[in-house]
Amino acid sequence: MRKRKSTIQYPPPFLNFPVIERQEYYVSRKQVDTIEFYALSDGFKRVYTEKDALMGYGKQKILDPRNVSFLNLFINGVLQPKTCYLIEEGKITFLTDDIPAKGAPIVLQMFKF
């Protein structure tokens, strides 16, 4: 079996591609801490505290929002607008007329960079 020599040139000679120098970027890794708070709605409460945390998820805290980078509140898996709740250290207060249905999971995610 005879090897053939390729006659194809890359890039083809009729295309003039600009030569781009390769630049290297270094990204420093930052420490990100994620803290969660889990609770179930009882269908009546408008204010939830750390005492309402679900058991079995370790020690859960509601941190002061001034000490976290950002936070998200989910009710029944749906991200809530910031105008619907107030977070204070150790407490979540719902500001809407309606409250979460009984048994709806309440999940507060807090991120610290």
C-alpha atoms as a PDB file:
ATOM      1  CA  MET A   1       0.000   0.000   0.000  1.00  0.00           C
ATOM      2  CA  ARG A   2       1.360   3.337  -1.028  1.00  0.00           C
ATOM      3  CA  LYS A   3       0.913   6.486   1.072  1.00  0.00           C
ATOM      4  CA  ARG A   4      -0.407   9.445  -0.789  1.00  0.00           C
ATOM      5  CA  LYS A   5       0.916  12.872  -0.180  1.00  0.00           C
ATOM      6  CA  SER A   6      -1.801  15.427   0.545  1.00  0.00           C
ATOM      7  CA  THR A   7      -1.967  18.378  -1.775  1.00  0.00           C
ATOM      8  CA  ILE A   8      -4.466  20.304   0.360  1.00  0.00           C
ATOM      9  CA  GLN A   9      -3.102  23.374   2.084  1.00  0.00           C
ATOM     10  CA  TYR A  10      -4.636  24.844   5.230  1.00  0.00           C
ATOM     11  CA  PRO A  11      -5.663  27.553   5.070  1.00  0.00           C
ATOM     12  CA  PRO A  12      -6.133  27.536   1.336  1.00  0.00           C
ATOM     13  CA  PRO A  13      -3.746  29.987  -0.341  1.00  0.00           C
ATOM     14  CA  PHE A  14      -6.562  32.137  -1.795  1.00  0.00           C
ATOM     15  CA  LEU A  15      -7.924  32.988   1.676  1.00  0.00           C
ATOM     16  CA  ASN A  16      -5.979  35.496   3.704  1.00  0.00           C
ATOM     17  CA  PHE A  17      -6.793  34.918   7.331  1.00  0.00           C
ATOM     18  CA  PRO A  18      -5.434  37.448   9.792  1.00  0.00           C
ATOM     19  CA  VAL A  19      -2.921  36.067  12.184  1.00  0.00           C
ATOM     20  CA  ILE A  20      -4.213  36.456  15.717  1.00  0.00           C
ATOM     21  CA  GLU A  21      -1.795  36.183  18.558  1.00  0.00           C
ATOM     22  CA  ARG A  22      -2.953  33.923  21.327  1.00  0.00           C
ATOM     23  CA  GLN A  23      -3.485  35.654  24.626  1.00  0.00           C
ATOM     24  CA  GLU A  24      -3.543  33.848  27.919  1.00  0.00           C
ATOM     25  CA  TYR A  25      -5.774  34.901  30.765  1.00  0.00           C
ATOM     26  CA  TYR A  26      -5.426  33.857  34.347  1.00  0.00           C
ATOM     27  CA  VAL A  27      -8.525  33.704  36.483  1.00  0.00           C
ATOM     28  CA  SER A  28      -8.037  33.641  40.193  1.00  0.00           C
ATOM     29  CA  ARG A  29     -10.446  31.379  42.000  1.00  0.00           C
ATOM     30  CA  LYS A  30     -12.493  33.016  44.686  1.00  0.00           C
ATOM     31  CA  GLN A  31     -14.023  31.376  47.683  1.00  0.00           C
ATOM     32  CA  VAL A  32     -17.814  31.191  47.391  1.00  0.00           C
ATOM     33  CA  ASP A  33     -19.849  30.126  50.401  1.00  0.00           C
ATOM     34  CA  THR A  34     -23.450  29.031  49.889  1.00  0.00           C
ATOM     35  CA  ILE A  35     -25.757  29.032  52.881  1.00  0.00           C
ATOM     36  CA  GLU A  36     -29.314  27.697  52.656  1.00  0.00           C
ATOM     37  CA  PHE A  37     -32.363  27.911  54.859  1.00  0.00           C
ATOM     38  CA  TYR A  38     -35.190  25.400  54.355  1.00  0.00           C
ATOM     39  CA  ALA A  39     -38.696  25.583  55.838  1.00  0.00           C
ATOM     40  CA  LEU A  40     -42.224  24.445  55.043  1.00  0.00           C
ATOM     41  CA  SER A  41     -45.133  26.855  55.031  1.00  0.00           C
ATOM     42  CA  ASP A  42     -47.884  26.200  57.564  1.00  0.00           C
ATOM     43  CA  GLY A  43     -50.381  28.202  55.503  1.00  0.00           C
ATOM     44  CA  PHE A  44     -50.843  30.865  58.212  1.00  0.00           C
ATOM     45  CA  LYS A  45     -47.511  32.479  59.097  1.00  0.00           C
ATOM     46  CA  ARG A  46     -46.177  35.583  57.468  1.00  0.00           C
ATOM     47  CA  VAL A  47     -42.879  35.558  59.430  1.00  0.00           C
ATOM     48  CA  TYR A  48     -40.445  32.622  59.512  1.00  0.00           C
ATOM     49  CA  THR A  49     -37.440  32.426  61.823  1.00  0.00           C
ATOM     50  CA  GLU A  50     -34.519  30.067  62.236  1.00  0.00           C
ATOM     51  CA  LYS A  51     -36.693  28.022  64.624  1.00  0.00           C
ATOM     52  CA  ASP A  52     -38.867  27.051  61.637  1.00  0.00           C
ATOM     53  CA  ALA A  53     -35.948  25.390  59.821  1.00  0.00           C
ATOM     54  CA  LEU A  54     -36.439  21.814  58.625  1.00  0.00           C
ATOM     55  CA  MET A  55     -34.560  19.182  60.580  1.00  0.00           C
ATOM     56  CA  GLY A  56     -31.991  17.018  58.808  1.00  0.00           C
ATOM     57  CA  TYR A  57     -30.312  19.760  56.783  1.00  0.00           C
ATOM     58  CA  GLY A  58     -27.670  20.681  59.322  1.00  0.00           C
ATOM     59  CA  LYS A  59     -27.387  23.990  61.115  1.00  0.00           C
ATOM     60  CA  GLN A  60     -29.327  26.601  59.173  1.00  0.00           C
ATOM     61  CA  LYS A  61     -29.128  30.337  59.592  1.00  0.00           C
ATOM     62  CA  ILE A  62     -30.752  33.366  58.039  1.00  0.00           C
ATOM     63  CA  LEU A  63     -27.842  35.771  57.655  1.00  0.00           C
ATOM     64  CA  ASP A  64     -28.015  39.543  57.698  1.00  0.00           C
ATOM     65  CA  PRO A  65     -28.448  40.583  54.034  1.00  0.00           C
ATOM     66  CA  ARG A  66     -25.783  43.267  54.508  1.00  0.00           C
ATOM     67  CA  ASN A  67     -23.236  40.482  55.102  1.00  0.00           C
ATOM     68  CA  VAL A  68     -23.978  38.399  51.981  1.00  0.00           C
ATOM     69  CA  SER A  69     -23.175  39.099  48.338  1.00  0.00           C
ATOM     70  CA  PHE A  70     -26.652  38.200  47.121  1.00  0.00           C
ATOM     71  CA  LEU A  71     -29.614  36.018  48.011  1.00  0.00           C
ATOM     72  CA  ASN A  72     -32.572  34.278  46.386  1.00  0.00           C
ATOM     73  CA  LEU A  73     -35.889  33.227  47.909  1.00  0.00           C
ATOM     74  CA  PHE A  74     -37.848  30.370  46.353  1.00  0.00           C
ATOM     75  CA  ILE A  75     -41.366  29.349  47.308  1.00  0.00           C
ATOM     76  CA  ASN A  76     -42.514  26.039  45.888  1.00  0.00           C
ATOM     77  CA  GLY A  77     -39.523  26.174  43.513  1.00  0.00           C
ATOM     78  CA  VAL A  78     -40.405  29.606  42.091  1.00  0.00           C
ATOM     79  CA  LEU A  79     -37.983  32.517  42.470  1.00  0.00           C
ATOM     80  CA  GLN A  80     -39.702  35.383  44.285  1.00  0.00           C
ATOM     81  CA  PRO A  81     -39.340  39.082  43.392  1.00  0.00           C
ATOM     82  CA  LYS A  82     -37.502  41.148  45.981  1.00  0.00           C
ATOM     83  CA  THR A  83     -40.601  43.303  46.544  1.00  0.00           C
ATOM     84  CA  CYS A  84     -42.500  40.318  48.001  1.00  0.00           C
ATOM     85  CA  TYR A  85     -40.346  39.697  51.072  1.00  0.00           C
ATOM     86  CA  LEU A  86     -38.042  41.247  53.623  1.00  0.00           C
ATOM     87  CA  ILE A  87     -34.971  39.461  54.957  1.00  0.00           C
ATOM     88  CA  GLU A  88     -33.485  40.410  58.308  1.00  0.00           C
ATOM     89  CA  GLU A  89     -30.954  38.550  60.384  1.00  0.00           C
ATOM     90  CA  GLY A  90     -32.766  35.433  61.621  1.00  0.00           C
ATOM     91  CA  LYS A  91     -36.107  36.311  59.979  1.00  0.00           C
ATOM     92  CA  ILE A  92     -38.039  36.168  56.677  1.00  0.00           C
ATOM     93  CA  THR A  93     -41.157  38.338  56.406  1.00  0.00           C
ATOM     94  CA  PHE A  94     -43.628  38.050  53.511  1.00  0.00           C
ATOM     95  CA  LEU A  95     -44.936  41.452  52.373  1.00  0.00           C
ATOM     96  CA  THR A  96     -47.666  40.237  50.004  1.00  0.00           C
ATOM     97  CA  ASP A  97     -51.378  39.982  50.789  1.00  0.00           C
ATOM     98  CA  ASP A  98     -51.330  36.229  50.250  1.00  0.00           C
ATOM     99  CA  ILE A  99     -49.024  33.795  52.010  1.00  0.00           C
ATOM    100  CA  PRO A 100     -47.468  30.532  50.812  1.00  0.00           C
ATOM    101  CA  ALA A 101     -49.863  27.576  50.707  1.00  0.00           C
ATOM    102  CA  LYS A 102     -49.613  24.965  53.440  1.00  0.00           C
ATOM    103  CA  GLY A 103     -46.740  22.558  52.789  1.00  0.00           C
ATOM    104  CA  ALA A 104     -45.028  24.775  50.202  1.00  0.00           C
ATOM    105  CA  PRO A 105     -41.248  24.600  50.557  1.00  0.00           C
ATOM    106  CA  ILE A 106     -39.499  27.872  51.389  1.00  0.00           C
ATOM    107  CA  VAL A 107     -35.836  27.960  50.351  1.00  0.00           C
ATOM    108  CA  LEU A 108     -33.557  30.908  51.001  1.00  0.00           C
ATOM    109  CA  GLN A 109     -30.162  30.809  49.254  1.00  0.00           C
ATOM    110  CA  MET A 110     -27.424  33.142  50.440  1.00  0.00           C
ATOM    111  CA  PHE A 111     -24.063  33.567  48.701  1.00  0.00           C
ATOM    112  CA  LYS A 112     -20.909  35.089  50.171  1.00  0.00           C
ATOM    113  CA  PHE A 113     -17.896  35.891  47.981  1.00  0.00           C
END
